[in-house]
Amino acid sequence: MSLAGLPNLGPKSRDMLERAGIVSVPQLRRLGAVAAYAQVQRSGQPASLNLLWALEGALTGTPWQQVAREHRTSLLLALDGHQSRDRA
């Protein structure tokens, strides 16, 4: 299944994912939103936190705006933990 079939991900977001080596829905599901976002960042793409909200929403079927309102803190904590493990 291609990334184009997911909600919340427009052409720019899909391009950033593909440039970071994330090219399929199963691959994105295996990584999860936080690890996929971190991979996009590591690839040098100019990813804002809106991409993180969009990725979580794409994987859960939730509008990114709702993710930003309701899951912001938990996603930011997960991202911080992920980045701390990467640095260690």
Protein backbone atom coordinates (compact mmCIF):
# COMPACT_ATOMS: atom_id res chain seq x y z
CA MET A 1 0.00 0.00 0.00
CA SER A 2 1.38 3.41 -0.93
CA LEU A 3 1.66 6.37 1.40
CA ALA A 4 -0.71 8.30 -0.89
CA GLY A 5 -3.64 6.30 0.51
CA LEU A 6 -3.17 7.61 4.05
CA PRO A 7 -5.13 10.54 5.45
CA ASN A 8 -3.30 13.66 6.71
CA LEU A 9 -0.28 13.18 4.42
CA GLY A 10 -0.05 15.56 1.51
CA PRO A 11 2.52 15.49 -1.30
CA LYS A 12 5.14 17.43 0.69
CA SER A 13 4.86 15.08 3.69
CA ARG A 14 5.02 12.01 1.46
CA ASP A 15 8.07 13.43 -0.29
CA MET A 16 9.84 13.98 3.04
CA LEU A 17 9.06 10.41 4.09
CA GLU A 18 10.29 8.99 0.81
CA ARG A 19 13.50 11.05 0.95
CA ALA A 20 14.04 9.58 4.42
CA GLY A 21 13.64 6.06 3.04
CA ILE A 22 10.08 5.45 4.23
CA VAL A 23 8.20 4.34 1.13
CA SER A 24 5.33 2.10 2.21
CA VAL A 25 2.51 1.95 4.73
CA PRO A 26 3.75 -1.31 6.29
CA GLN A 27 7.17 0.27 6.79
CA LEU A 28 5.58 3.35 8.38
CA ARG A 29 3.43 1.16 10.65
CA ARG A 30 6.48 -0.83 11.77
CA LEU A 31 8.36 2.36 12.65
CA GLY A 32 5.45 4.22 14.21
CA ALA A 33 4.93 7.96 14.06
CA VAL A 34 7.70 8.97 16.47
CA ALA A 35 10.49 6.87 14.91
CA ALA A 36 9.38 7.85 11.40
CA TYR A 37 9.44 11.54 12.33
CA ALA A 38 12.91 11.14 13.87
CA GLN A 39 14.12 9.39 10.71
CA VAL A 40 12.84 12.27 8.59
CA GLN A 41 14.67 14.72 10.86
CA ARG A 42 17.90 12.70 10.66
CA SER A 43 17.67 12.75 6.86
CA GLY A 44 17.93 16.54 6.94
CA GLN A 45 14.35 17.26 5.89
CA PRO A 46 12.78 20.46 7.31
CA ALA A 47 10.12 18.65 9.34
CA SER A 48 7.94 20.66 11.69
CA LEU A 49 5.97 19.07 14.51
CA ASN A 50 2.93 19.20 12.24
CA LEU A 51 4.47 16.21 10.44
CA LEU A 52 4.54 14.27 13.71
CA TRP A 53 0.86 15.04 14.32
CA ALA A 54 0.06 14.09 10.70
CA LEU A 55 1.95 10.80 10.95
CA GLU A 56 0.16 9.81 14.16
CA GLY A 57 -3.15 10.79 12.62
CA ALA A 58 -2.40 8.84 9.45
CA LEU A 59 -1.66 5.72 11.47
CA THR A 60 -4.68 6.06 13.76
CA GLY A 61 -7.21 7.55 11.33
CA THR A 62 -7.45 10.71 13.42
CA PRO A 63 -7.35 14.26 12.01
CA TRP A 64 -3.93 15.79 12.67
CA GLN A 65 -5.52 18.78 14.41
CA GLN A 66 -7.13 16.46 16.95
CA VAL A 67 -3.83 14.65 17.47
CA ALA A 68 -2.12 18.00 18.10
CA ARG A 69 -4.74 18.92 20.71
CA GLU A 70 -5.15 15.60 22.48
CA HIS A 71 -1.84 13.75 22.12
CA ARG A 72 0.75 16.53 21.89
CA THR A 73 2.32 15.90 25.29
CA SER A 74 2.56 12.13 25.00
CA LEU A 75 4.05 12.36 21.49
CA LEU A 76 6.60 14.99 22.54
CA LEU A 77 7.64 12.85 25.52
CA ALA A 78 7.95 9.80 23.27
CA LEU A 79 10.01 11.81 20.78
CA ASP A 80 12.29 13.06 23.56
CA GLY A 81 12.79 9.49 24.78
CA HIS A 82 13.48 8.28 21.26
CA GLN A 83 16.04 11.04 20.63
CA SER A 84 17.71 10.37 24.00
CA ARG A 85 18.17 6.70 23.05
CA ASP A 86 19.60 7.75 19.68
CA ARG A 87 22.17 10.00 21.39
CA ALA A 88 23.20 7.30 23.89
